[in-house]
Amino acid sequence: MCSLDKDLVATIVTVRLTIGVICTICMVFGTPTNILSFLYFIKRKTGAAANKIYMTYLCRMITFIDFLICFLVFPLIESAYRVKGILKKDDTKSNITNDDSIT
């Protein structure tokens, strides 16, 4: 393996870890704050005006969808940390494809 390949691998690992850390921070802080925001808009009393009801409903939907986005980013975080040497999990699919006896 030449030095270019090692540099490329190191860069890919660094980028994956950076993405993993950023997504982890967003999930750790985003999920609880969106739950609290959603509960705030559920408990909030709205006036009789149609505009206030519409805006409260809109804020509820925005916080709920944002919560789902923060929560569903977990598979991305898991795959970002699944770099050789960080998460050592045997994957049967990769073991089959990396077997030297299969031609």
PDB file of N, CA and C in Angstrom:
ATOM      1  N   MET A   1       0.848  -1.172   0.000  1.00  0.00           N
ATOM      2  CA  MET A   1       0.000   0.000   0.000  1.00  0.00           C
ATOM      3  C   MET A   1       0.896   1.239   0.000  1.00  0.00           C
ATOM      4  N   CYS A   2       0.734   2.107  -0.952  1.00  0.00           N
ATOM      5  CA  CYS A   2       1.576   3.299  -1.013  1.00  0.00           C
ATOM      6  C   CYS A   2       1.065   4.358  -0.043  1.00  0.00           C
ATOM      7  N   SER A   3       1.877   5.419   0.133  1.00  0.00           N
ATOM      8  CA  SER A   3       1.522   6.446   1.119  1.00  0.00           C
ATOM      9  C   SER A   3       0.259   7.204   0.739  1.00  0.00           C
ATOM     10  N   LEU A   4      -0.024   7.287  -0.556  1.00  0.00           N
ATOM     11  CA  LEU A   4      -1.255   7.962  -0.992  1.00  0.00           C
ATOM     12  C   LEU A   4      -2.476   7.208  -0.490  1.00  0.00           C
ATOM     13  N   ASP A   5      -2.419   5.895  -0.563  1.00  0.00           N
ATOM     14  CA  ASP A   5      -3.535   5.094  -0.081  1.00  0.00           C
ATOM     15  C   ASP A   5      -3.713   5.248   1.427  1.00  0.00           C
ATOM     16  N   LYS A   6      -2.619   5.306   2.159  1.00  0.00           N
ATOM     17  CA  LYS A   6      -2.707   5.479   3.612  1.00  0.00           C
ATOM     18  C   LYS A   6      -3.267   6.860   3.951  1.00  0.00           C
ATOM     19  N   ASP A   7      -2.858   7.871   3.195  1.00  0.00           N
ATOM     20  CA  ASP A   7      -3.391   9.218   3.417  1.00  0.00           C
ATOM     21  C   ASP A   7      -4.875   9.286   3.102  1.00  0.00           C
ATOM     22  N   LEU A   8      -5.266   8.600   2.030  1.00  0.00           N
ATOM     23  CA  LEU A   8      -6.678   8.584   1.655  1.00  0.00           C
ATOM     24  C   LEU A   8      -7.517   7.876   2.707  1.00  0.00           C
ATOM     25  N   VAL A   9      -7.018   6.765   3.204  1.00  0.00           N
ATOM     26  CA  VAL A   9      -7.736   6.029   4.253  1.00  0.00           C
ATOM     27  C   VAL A   9      -7.828   6.867   5.523  1.00  0.00           C
ATOM     28  N   ALA A  10      -6.748   7.535   5.884  1.00  0.00           N
ATOM     29  CA  ALA A  10      -6.762   8.383   7.077  1.00  0.00           C
ATOM     30  C   ALA A  10      -7.751   9.538   6.918  1.00  0.00           C
ATOM     31  N   THR A  11      -7.820  10.104   5.725  1.00  0.00           N
ATOM     32  CA  THR A  11      -8.767  11.190   5.474  1.00  0.00           C
ATOM     33  C   THR A  11     -10.208  10.693   5.563  1.00  0.00           C
ATOM     34  N   ILE A  12     -10.467   9.537   4.996  1.00  0.00           N
ATOM     35  CA  ILE A  12     -11.826   8.973   5.041  1.00  0.00           C
ATOM     36  C   ILE A  12     -12.232   8.684   6.486  1.00  0.00           C
ATOM     37  N   VAL A  13     -11.318   8.119   7.263  1.00  0.00           N
ATOM     38  CA  VAL A  13     -11.613   7.832   8.670  1.00  0.00           C
ATOM     39  C   VAL A  13     -11.890   9.128   9.425  1.00  0.00           C
ATOM     40  N   THR A  14     -11.096  10.154   9.168  1.00  0.00           N
ATOM     41  CA  THR A  14     -11.289  11.446   9.840  1.00  0.00           C
ATOM     42  C   THR A  14     -12.629  12.061   9.481  1.00  0.00           C
ATOM     43  N   VAL A  15     -12.988  12.007   8.214  1.00  0.00           N
ATOM     44  CA  VAL A  15     -14.275  12.571   7.784  1.00  0.00           C
ATOM     45  C   VAL A  15     -15.430  11.799   8.400  1.00  0.00           C
ATOM     46  N   ARG A  16     -15.339  10.476   8.415  1.00  0.00           N
ATOM     47  CA  ARG A  16     -16.418   9.675   9.002  1.00  0.00           C
ATOM     48  C   ARG A  16     -16.572   9.940  10.493  1.00  0.00           C
ATOM     49  N   LEU A  17     -15.458  10.059  11.191  1.00  0.00           N
ATOM     50  CA  LEU A  17     -15.528  10.340  12.623  1.00  0.00           C
ATOM     51  C   LEU A  17     -16.078  11.735  12.888  1.00  0.00           C
ATOM     52  N   THR A  18     -15.702  12.701  12.061  1.00  0.00           N
ATOM     53  CA  THR A  18     -16.229  14.059  12.220  1.00  0.00           C
ATOM     54  C   THR A  18     -17.732  14.081  12.012  1.00  0.00           C
ATOM     55  N   ILE A  19     -18.193  13.412  10.976  1.00  0.00           N
ATOM     56  CA  ILE A  19     -19.640  13.333  10.730  1.00  0.00           C
ATOM     57  C   ILE A  19     -20.334  12.620  11.882  1.00  0.00           C
ATOM     58  N   GLY A  20     -19.721  11.556  12.392  1.00  0.00           N
ATOM     59  CA  GLY A  20     -20.297  10.830  13.523  1.00  0.00           C
ATOM     60  C   GLY A  20     -20.409  11.680  14.770  1.00  0.00           C
ATOM     61  N   VAL A  21     -19.378  12.457  15.066  1.00  0.00           N
ATOM     62  CA  VAL A  21     -19.399  13.321  16.257  1.00  0.00           C
ATOM     63  C   VAL A  21     -20.452  14.414  16.103  1.00  0.00           C
ATOM     64  N   ILE A  22     -20.520  15.036  14.934  1.00  0.00           N
ATOM     65  CA  ILE A  22     -21.510  16.099  14.707  1.00  0.00           C
ATOM     66  C   ILE A  22     -22.926  15.543  14.823  1.00  0.00           C
ATOM     67  N   CYS A  23     -23.174  14.395  14.217  1.00  0.00           N
ATOM     68  CA  CYS A  23     -24.510  13.797  14.301  1.00  0.00           C
ATOM     69  C   CYS A  23     -24.848  13.353  15.717  1.00  0.00           C
ATOM     70  N   THR A  24     -23.862  12.869  16.458  1.00  0.00           N
ATOM     71  CA  THR A  24     -24.094  12.469  17.847  1.00  0.00           C
ATOM     72  C   THR A  24     -24.477  13.677  18.698  1.00  0.00           C
ATOM     73  N   ILE A  25     -23.755  14.777  18.526  1.00  0.00           N
ATOM     74  CA  ILE A  25     -24.080  15.990  19.283  1.00  0.00           C
ATOM     75  C   ILE A  25     -25.474  16.477  18.936  1.00  0.00           C
ATOM     76  N   CYS A  26     -25.815  16.474  17.649  1.00  0.00           N
ATOM     77  CA  CYS A  26     -27.160  16.911  17.240  1.00  0.00           C
ATOM     78  C   CYS A  26     -28.237  16.007  17.811  1.00  0.00           C
ATOM     79  N   MET A  27     -27.981  14.701  17.844  1.00  0.00           N
ATOM     80  CA  MET A  27     -28.983  13.782  18.378  1.00  0.00           C
ATOM     81  C   MET A  27     -29.114  13.927  19.890  1.00  0.00           C
ATOM     82  N   VAL A  28     -27.980  14.047  20.589  1.00  0.00           N
ATOM     83  CA  VAL A  28     -28.012  14.125  22.050  1.00  0.00           C
ATOM     84  C   VAL A  28     -28.728  15.395  22.526  1.00  0.00           C
ATOM     85  N   PHE A  29     -28.487  16.506  21.868  1.00  0.00           N
ATOM     86  CA  PHE A  29     -29.132  17.754  22.280  1.00  0.00           C
ATOM     87  C   PHE A  29     -30.458  17.998  21.571  1.00  0.00           C
ATOM     88  N   GLY A  30     -30.589  17.543  20.347  1.00  0.00           N
ATOM     89  CA  GLY A  30     -31.795  17.818  19.570  1.00  0.00           C
ATOM     90  C   GLY A  30     -33.009  17.023  20.004  1.00  0.00           C
ATOM     91  N   THR A  31     -32.815  15.759  20.322  1.00  0.00           N
ATOM     92  CA  THR A  31     -33.955  14.913  20.684  1.00  0.00           C
ATOM     93  C   THR A  31     -34.652  15.393  21.963  1.00  0.00           C
ATOM     94  N   PRO A  32     -33.954  15.612  23.069  1.00  0.00           N
ATOM     95  CA  PRO A  32     -34.657  16.073  24.276  1.00  0.00           C
ATOM     96  C   PRO A  32     -35.269  17.469  24.132  1.00  0.00           C
ATOM     97  N   THR A  33     -34.554  18.376  23.459  1.00  0.00           N
ATOM     98  CA  THR A  33     -35.105  19.735  23.317  1.00  0.00           C
ATOM     99  C   THR A  33     -36.328  19.746  22.420  1.00  0.00           C
ATOM    100  N   ASN A  34     -36.360  18.907  21.410  1.00  0.00           N
ATOM    101  CA  ASN A  34     -37.555  18.837  20.570  1.00  0.00           C
ATOM    102  C   ASN A  34     -38.727  18.191  21.301  1.00  0.00           C
ATOM    103  N   ILE A  35     -38.438  17.232  22.173  1.00  0.00           N
ATOM    104  CA  ILE A  35     -39.514  16.645  22.982  1.00  0.00           C
ATOM    105  C   ILE A  35     -40.096  17.712  23.909  1.00  0.00           C
ATOM    106  N   LEU A  36     -39.215  18.483  24.554  1.00  0.00           N
ATOM    107  CA  LEU A  36     -39.696  19.545  25.448  1.00  0.00           C
ATOM    108  C   LEU A  36     -40.468  20.619  24.682  1.00  0.00           C
ATOM    109  N   SER A  37     -40.002  20.971  23.501  1.00  0.00           N
ATOM    110  CA  SER A  37     -40.712  21.966  22.690  1.00  0.00           C
ATOM    111  C   SER A  37     -42.070  21.446  22.261  1.00  0.00           C
ATOM    112  N   PHE A  38     -42.127  20.180  21.872  1.00  0.00           N
ATOM    113  CA  PHE A  38     -43.401  19.599  21.462  1.00  0.00           C
ATOM    114  C   PHE A  38     -44.384  19.582  22.633  1.00  0.00           C
ATOM    115  N   LEU A  39     -43.905  19.207  23.822  1.00  0.00           N
ATOM    116  CA  LEU A  39     -44.780  19.208  24.998  1.00  0.00           C
ATOM    117  C   LEU A  39     -45.242  20.617  25.349  1.00  0.00           C
ATOM    118  N   TYR A  40     -44.376  21.597  25.158  1.00  0.00           N
ATOM    119  CA  TYR A  40     -44.760  22.990  25.402  1.00  0.00           C
ATOM    120  C   TYR A  40     -45.903  23.403  24.476  1.00  0.00           C
ATOM    121  N   PHE A  41     -45.806  23.073  23.205  1.00  0.00           N
ATOM    122  CA  PHE A  41     -46.853  23.465  22.266  1.00  0.00           C
ATOM    123  C   PHE A  41     -48.130  22.649  22.444  1.00  0.00           C
ATOM    124  N   ILE A  42     -48.020  21.443  22.991  1.00  0.00           N
ATOM    125  CA  ILE A  42     -49.225  20.655  23.294  1.00  0.00           C
ATOM    126  C   ILE A  42     -49.975  21.291  24.462  1.00  0.00           C
ATOM    127  N   LYS A  43     -49.242  21.719  25.490  1.00  0.00           N
ATOM    128  CA  LYS A  43     -49.870  22.277  26.689  1.00  0.00           C
ATOM    129  C   LYS A  43     -50.244  23.746  26.542  1.00  0.00           C
ATOM    130  N   ARG A  44     -49.760  24.397  25.518  1.00  0.00           N
ATOM    131  CA  ARG A  44     -50.000  25.832  25.345  1.00  0.00           C
ATOM    132  C   ARG A  44     -51.474  26.103  25.039  1.00  0.00           C
ATOM    133  N   LYS A  45     -52.012  27.063  25.736  1.00  0.00           N
ATOM    134  CA  LYS A  45     -53.401  27.464  25.507  1.00  0.00           C
ATOM    135  C   LYS A  45     -53.442  28.402  24.297  1.00  0.00           C
ATOM    136  N   THR A  46     -54.345  28.112  23.402  1.00  0.00           N
ATOM    137  CA  THR A  46     -54.482  28.975  22.228  1.00  0.00           C
ATOM    138  C   THR A  46     -55.779  29.747  22.323  1.00  0.00           C
ATOM    139  N   GLY A  47     -55.753  30.910  21.727  1.00  0.00           N
ATOM    140  CA  GLY A  47     -56.952  31.740  21.697  1.00  0.00           C
ATOM    141  C   GLY A  47     -57.926  31.220  20.660  1.00  0.00           C
ATOM    142  N   ALA A  48     -59.003  31.927  20.522  1.00  0.00           N
ATOM    143  CA  ALA A  48     -60.040  31.514  19.577  1.00  0.00           C
ATOM    144  C   ALA A  48     -59.700  31.915  18.145  1.00  0.00           C
ATOM    145  N   ALA A  49     -58.718  32.755  17.967  1.00  0.00           N
ATOM    146  CA  ALA A  49     -58.374  33.210  16.626  1.00  0.00           C
ATOM    147  C   ALA A  49     -57.821  32.049  15.810  1.00  0.00           C
ATOM    148  N   ALA A  50     -58.247  31.992  14.568  1.00  0.00           N
ATOM    149  CA  ALA A  50     -57.835  30.897  13.694  1.00  0.00           C
ATOM    150  C   ALA A  50     -56.335  30.933  13.434  1.00  0.00           C
ATOM    151  N   ASN A  51     -55.765  32.130  13.392  1.00  0.00           N
ATOM    152  CA  ASN A  51     -54.328  32.245  13.124  1.00  0.00           C
ATOM    153  C   ASN A  51     -53.508  31.661  14.263  1.00  0.00           C
ATOM    154  N   LYS A  52     -53.914  31.884  15.508  1.00  0.00           N
ATOM    155  CA  LYS A  52     -53.181  31.334  16.640  1.00  0.00           C
ATOM    156  C   LYS A  52     -53.272  29.809  16.670  1.00  0.00           C
ATOM    157  N   ILE A  53     -54.425  29.271  16.355  1.00  0.00           N
ATOM    158  CA  ILE A  53     -54.599  27.818  16.326  1.00  0.00           C
ATOM    159  C   ILE A  53     -53.726  27.217  15.223  1.00  0.00           C
ATOM    160  N   TYR A  54     -53.720  27.873  14.075  1.00  0.00           N
ATOM    161  CA  TYR A  54     -52.913  27.399  12.954  1.00  0.00           C
ATOM    162  C   TYR A  54     -51.424  27.427  13.302  1.00  0.00           C
ATOM    163  N   MET A  55     -50.954  28.511  13.901  1.00  0.00           N
ATOM    164  CA  MET A  55     -49.536  28.633  14.237  1.00  0.00           C
ATOM    165  C   MET A  55     -49.120  27.621  15.309  1.00  0.00           C
ATOM    166  N   THR A  56     -49.986  27.382  16.290  1.00  0.00           N
ATOM    167  CA  THR A  56     -49.680  26.384  17.316  1.00  0.00           C
ATOM    168  C   THR A  56     -49.603  24.993  16.699  1.00  0.00           C
ATOM    169  N   TYR A  57     -50.541  24.685  15.816  1.00  0.00           N
ATOM    170  CA  TYR A  57     -50.533  23.390  15.120  1.00  0.00           C
ATOM    171  C   TYR A  57     -49.277  23.257  14.262  1.00  0.00           C
ATOM    172  N   LEU A  58     -48.909  24.323  13.578  1.00  0.00           N
ATOM    173  CA  LEU A  58     -47.721  24.315  12.741  1.00  0.00           C
ATOM    174  C   LEU A  58     -46.458  24.095  13.582  1.00  0.00           C
ATOM    175  N   CYS A  59     -46.363  24.767  14.712  1.00  0.00           N
ATOM    176  CA  CYS A  59     -45.201  24.582  15.597  1.00  0.00           C
ATOM    177  C   CYS A  59     -45.149  23.173  16.165  1.00  0.00           C
ATOM    178  N   ARG A  60     -46.296  22.593  16.470  1.00  0.00           N
ATOM    179  CA  ARG A  60     -46.329  21.208  16.939  1.00  0.00           C
ATOM    180  C   ARG A  60     -45.771  20.271  15.874  1.00  0.00           C
ATOM    181  N   MET A  61     -46.209  20.451  14.642  1.00  0.00           N
ATOM    182  CA  MET A  61     -45.751  19.577  13.563  1.00  0.00           C
ATOM    183  C   MET A  61     -44.259  19.767  13.286  1.00  0.00           C
ATOM    184  N   ILE A  62     -43.783  21.005  13.337  1.00  0.00           N
ATOM    185  CA  ILE A  62     -42.361  21.270  13.099  1.00  0.00           C
ATOM    186  C   ILE A  62     -41.503  20.596  14.165  1.00  0.00           C
ATOM    187  N   THR A  63     -41.895  20.735  15.424  1.00  0.00           N
ATOM    188  CA  THR A  63     -41.085  20.128  16.487  1.00  0.00           C
ATOM    189  C   THR A  63     -41.163  18.600  16.443  1.00  0.00           C
ATOM    190  N   PHE A  64     -42.315  18.057  16.068  1.00  0.00           N
ATOM    191  CA  PHE A  64     -42.452  16.608  15.971  1.00  0.00           C
ATOM    192  C   PHE A  64     -41.578  16.055  14.840  1.00  0.00           C
ATOM    193  N   ILE A  65     -41.611  16.700  13.686  1.00  0.00           N
ATOM    194  CA  ILE A  65     -40.808  16.246  12.551  1.00  0.00           C
ATOM    195  C   ILE A  65     -39.317  16.416  12.856  1.00  0.00           C
ATOM    196  N   ASP A  66     -38.954  17.502  13.516  1.00  0.00           N
ATOM    197  CA  ASP A  66     -37.559  17.706  13.899  1.00  0.00           C
ATOM    198  C   ASP A  66     -37.110  16.639  14.898  1.00  0.00           C
ATOM    199  N   PHE A  67     -37.987  16.256  15.810  1.00  0.00           N
ATOM    200  CA  PHE A  67     -37.687  15.165  16.737  1.00  0.00           C
ATOM    201  C   PHE A  67     -37.431  13.868  15.972  1.00  0.00           C
ATOM    202  N   LEU A  68     -38.284  13.570  14.996  1.00  0.00           N
ATOM    203  CA  LEU A  68     -38.099  12.346  14.209  1.00  0.00           C
ATOM    204  C   LEU A  68     -36.772  12.361  13.458  1.00  0.00           C
ATOM    205  N   ILE A  69     -36.411  13.513  12.905  1.00  0.00           N
ATOM    206  CA  ILE A  69     -35.137  13.618  12.192  1.00  0.00           C
ATOM    207  C   ILE A  69     -33.974  13.373  13.151  1.00  0.00           C
ATOM    208  N   CYS A  70     -34.021  13.996  14.329  1.00  0.00           N
ATOM    209  CA  CYS A  70     -32.945  13.808  15.312  1.00  0.00           C
ATOM    210  C   CYS A  70     -32.870  12.365  15.786  1.00  0.00           C
ATOM    211  N   PHE A  71     -33.997  11.726  15.943  1.00  0.00           N
ATOM    212  CA  PHE A  71     -34.031  10.363  16.437  1.00  0.00           C
ATOM    213  C   PHE A  71     -33.600   9.363  15.365  1.00  0.00           C
ATOM    214  N   LEU A  72     -34.011   9.596  14.132  1.00  0.00           N
ATOM    215  CA  LEU A  72     -33.728   8.646  13.062  1.00  0.00           C
ATOM    216  C   LEU A  72     -32.335   8.790  12.466  1.00  0.00           C
ATOM    217  N   VAL A  73     -31.534   9.705  12.978  1.00  0.00           N
ATOM    218  CA  VAL A  73     -30.160   9.856  12.506  1.00  0.00           C
ATOM    219  C   VAL A  73     -29.241   8.801  13.149  1.00  0.00           C
ATOM    220  N   PHE A  74     -29.784   8.010  14.058  1.00  0.00           N
ATOM    221  CA  PHE A  74     -28.973   7.001  14.756  1.00  0.00           C
ATOM    222  C   PHE A  74     -28.304   6.004  13.807  1.00  0.00           C
ATOM    223  N   PRO A  75     -28.965   5.478  12.770  1.00  0.00           N
ATOM    224  CA  PRO A  75     -28.251   4.565  11.869  1.00  0.00           C
ATOM    225  C   PRO A  75     -27.057   5.226  11.169  1.00  0.00           C
ATOM    226  N   LEU A  76     -27.168   6.501  10.872  1.00  0.00           N
ATOM    227  CA  LEU A  76     -26.042   7.222  10.282  1.00  0.00           C
ATOM    228  C   LEU A  76     -24.887   7.316  11.272  1.00  0.00           C
ATOM    229  N   ILE A  77     -25.211   7.574  12.529  1.00  0.00           N
ATOM    230  CA  ILE A  77     -24.181   7.646  13.560  1.00  0.00           C
ATOM    231  C   ILE A  77     -23.501   6.287  13.716  1.00  0.00           C
ATOM    232  N   GLU A  78     -24.291   5.242  13.740  1.00  0.00           N
ATOM    233  CA  GLU A  78     -23.729   3.897  13.890  1.00  0.00           C
ATOM    234  C   GLU A  78     -22.801   3.554  12.730  1.00  0.00           C
ATOM    235  N   SER A  79     -23.201   3.873  11.521  1.00  0.00           N
ATOM    236  CA  SER A  79     -22.341   3.554  10.375  1.00  0.00           C
ATOM    237  C   SER A  79     -21.114   4.458  10.324  1.00  0.00           C
ATOM    238  N   ALA A  80     -21.212   5.679  10.838  1.00  0.00           N
ATOM    239  CA  ALA A  80     -20.046   6.566  10.846  1.00  0.00           C
ATOM    240  C   ALA A  80     -18.974   6.061  11.805  1.00  0.00           C
ATOM    241  N   TYR A  81     -19.387   5.457  12.904  1.00  0.00           N
ATOM    242  CA  TYR A  81     -18.426   4.926  13.864  1.00  0.00           C
ATOM    243  C   TYR A  81     -17.964   3.512  13.529  1.00  0.00           C
ATOM    244  N   ARG A  82     -18.551   2.899  12.532  1.00  0.00           N
ATOM    245  CA  ARG A  82     -18.179   1.532  12.166  1.00  0.00           C
ATOM    246  C   ARG A  82     -16.972   1.572  11.220  1.00  0.00           C
ATOM    247  N   VAL A  83     -15.868   2.003  11.779  1.00  0.00           N
ATOM    248  CA  VAL A  83     -14.605   2.061  11.056  1.00  0.00           C
ATOM    249  C   VAL A  83     -13.697   1.024  11.680  1.00  0.00           C
ATOM    250  N   LYS A  84     -12.836   0.434  10.886  1.00  0.00           N
ATOM    251  CA  LYS A  84     -11.952  -0.611  11.405  1.00  0.00           C
ATOM    252  C   LYS A  84     -11.170  -0.081  12.608  1.00  0.00           C
ATOM    253  N   GLY A  85     -11.296  -0.752  13.717  1.00  0.00           N
ATOM    254  CA  GLY A  85     -10.578  -0.370  14.917  1.00  0.00           C
ATOM    255  C   GLY A  85     -11.423   0.427  15.899  1.00  0.00           C
ATOM    256  N   ILE A  86     -12.574   0.949  15.487  1.00  0.00           N
ATOM    257  CA  ILE A  86     -13.412   1.723  16.403  1.00  0.00           C
ATOM    258  C   ILE A  86     -14.531   0.840  16.934  1.00  0.00           C
ATOM    259  N   LEU A  87     -15.344   0.322  16.045  1.00  0.00           N
ATOM    260  CA  LEU A  87     -16.359  -0.656  16.428  1.00  0.00           C
ATOM    261  C   LEU A  87     -15.956  -1.984  15.806  1.00  0.00           C
ATOM    262  N   LYS A  88     -15.674  -2.954  16.607  1.00  0.00           N
ATOM    263  CA  LYS A  88     -15.278  -4.248  16.069  1.00  0.00           C
ATOM    264  C   LYS A  88     -16.447  -5.192  16.191  1.00  0.00           C
ATOM    265  N   LYS A  89     -17.244  -5.238  15.159  1.00  0.00           N
ATOM    266  CA  LYS A  89     -18.385  -6.134  15.138  1.00  0.00           C
ATOM    267  C   LYS A  89     -18.224  -7.046  13.934  1.00  0.00           C
ATOM    268  N   ASP A  90     -18.310  -8.327  14.161  1.00  0.00           N
ATOM    269  CA  ASP A  90     -18.201  -9.257  13.052  1.00  0.00           C
ATOM    270  C   ASP A  90     -19.463  -9.181  12.215  1.00  0.00           C
ATOM    271  N   ASP A  91     -19.257  -8.916  10.977  1.00  0.00           N
ATOM    272  CA  ASP A  91     -20.363  -8.860  10.042  1.00  0.00           C
ATOM    273  C   ASP A  91     -20.247 -10.082   9.138  1.00  0.00           C
ATOM    274  N   THR A  92     -21.237 -10.963   9.197  1.00  0.00           N
ATOM    275  CA  THR A  92     -21.138 -12.209   8.452  1.00  0.00           C
ATOM    276  C   THR A  92     -21.079 -11.953   6.955  1.00  0.00           C
ATOM    277  N   LYS A  93     -21.737 -10.932   6.495  1.00  0.00           N
ATOM    278  CA  LYS A  93     -21.718 -10.633   5.066  1.00  0.00           C
ATOM    279  C   LYS A  93     -20.308 -10.258   4.616  1.00  0.00           C
ATOM    280  N   SER A  94     -19.624  -9.427   5.382  1.00  0.00           N
ATOM    281  CA  SER A  94     -18.262  -9.040   5.003  1.00  0.00           C
ATOM    282  C   SER A  94     -17.289 -10.192   5.171  1.00  0.00           C
ATOM    283  N   ASN A  95     -17.533 -11.063   6.147  1.00  0.00           N
ATOM    284  CA  ASN A  95     -16.670 -12.221   6.316  1.00  0.00           C
ATOM    285  C   ASN A  95     -16.787 -13.184   5.131  1.00  0.00           C
ATOM    286  N   ILE A  96     -17.964 -13.312   4.599  1.00  0.00           N
ATOM    287  CA  ILE A  96     -18.154 -14.189   3.443  1.00  0.00           C
ATOM    288  C   ILE A  96     -17.472 -13.600   2.216  1.00  0.00           C
ATOM    289  N   THR A  97     -17.636 -12.303   1.988  1.00  0.00           N
ATOM    290  CA  THR A  97     -17.062 -11.687   0.793  1.00  0.00           C
ATOM    291  C   THR A  97     -15.554 -11.533   0.890  1.00  0.00           C
ATOM    292  N   ASN A  98     -14.981 -11.477   2.092  1.00  0.00           N
ATOM    293  CA  ASN A  98     -13.546 -11.319   2.251  1.00  0.00           C
ATOM    294  C   ASN A  98     -12.814 -12.652   2.383  1.00  0.00           C
ATOM    295  N   ASP A  99     -13.532 -13.745   2.286  1.00  0.00           N
ATOM    296  CA  ASP A  99     -12.918 -15.066   2.416  1.00  0.00           C
ATOM    297  C   ASP A  99     -12.084 -15.345   1.169  1.00  0.00           C
ATOM    298  N   ASP A 100     -10.802 -15.748   1.377  1.00  0.00           N
ATOM    299  CA  ASP A 100      -9.906 -16.004   0.254  1.00  0.00           C
ATOM    300  C   ASP A 100     -10.252 -17.300  -0.491  1.00  0.00           C
ATOM    301  N   SER A 101     -10.958 -18.206   0.163  1.00  0.00           N
ATOM    302  CA  SER A 101     -11.244 -19.479  -0.504  1.00  0.00           C
ATOM    303  C   SER A 101     -12.352 -19.345  -1.543  1.00  0.00           C
ATOM    304  N   ILE A 102     -13.140 -18.290  -1.474  1.00  0.00           N
ATOM    305  CA  ILE A 102     -14.201 -18.079  -2.457  1.00  0.00           C
ATOM    306  C   ILE A 102     -13.610 -17.331  -3.640  1.00  0.00           C
ATOM    307  N   THR A 103     -13.801 -17.885  -4.817  1.00  0.00           N
ATOM    308  CA  THR A 103     -13.225 -17.273  -6.005  1.00  0.00           C
ATOM    309  C   THR A 103     -14.282 -16.712  -6.904  1.00  0.00           C
TER     310      THR A 103
END
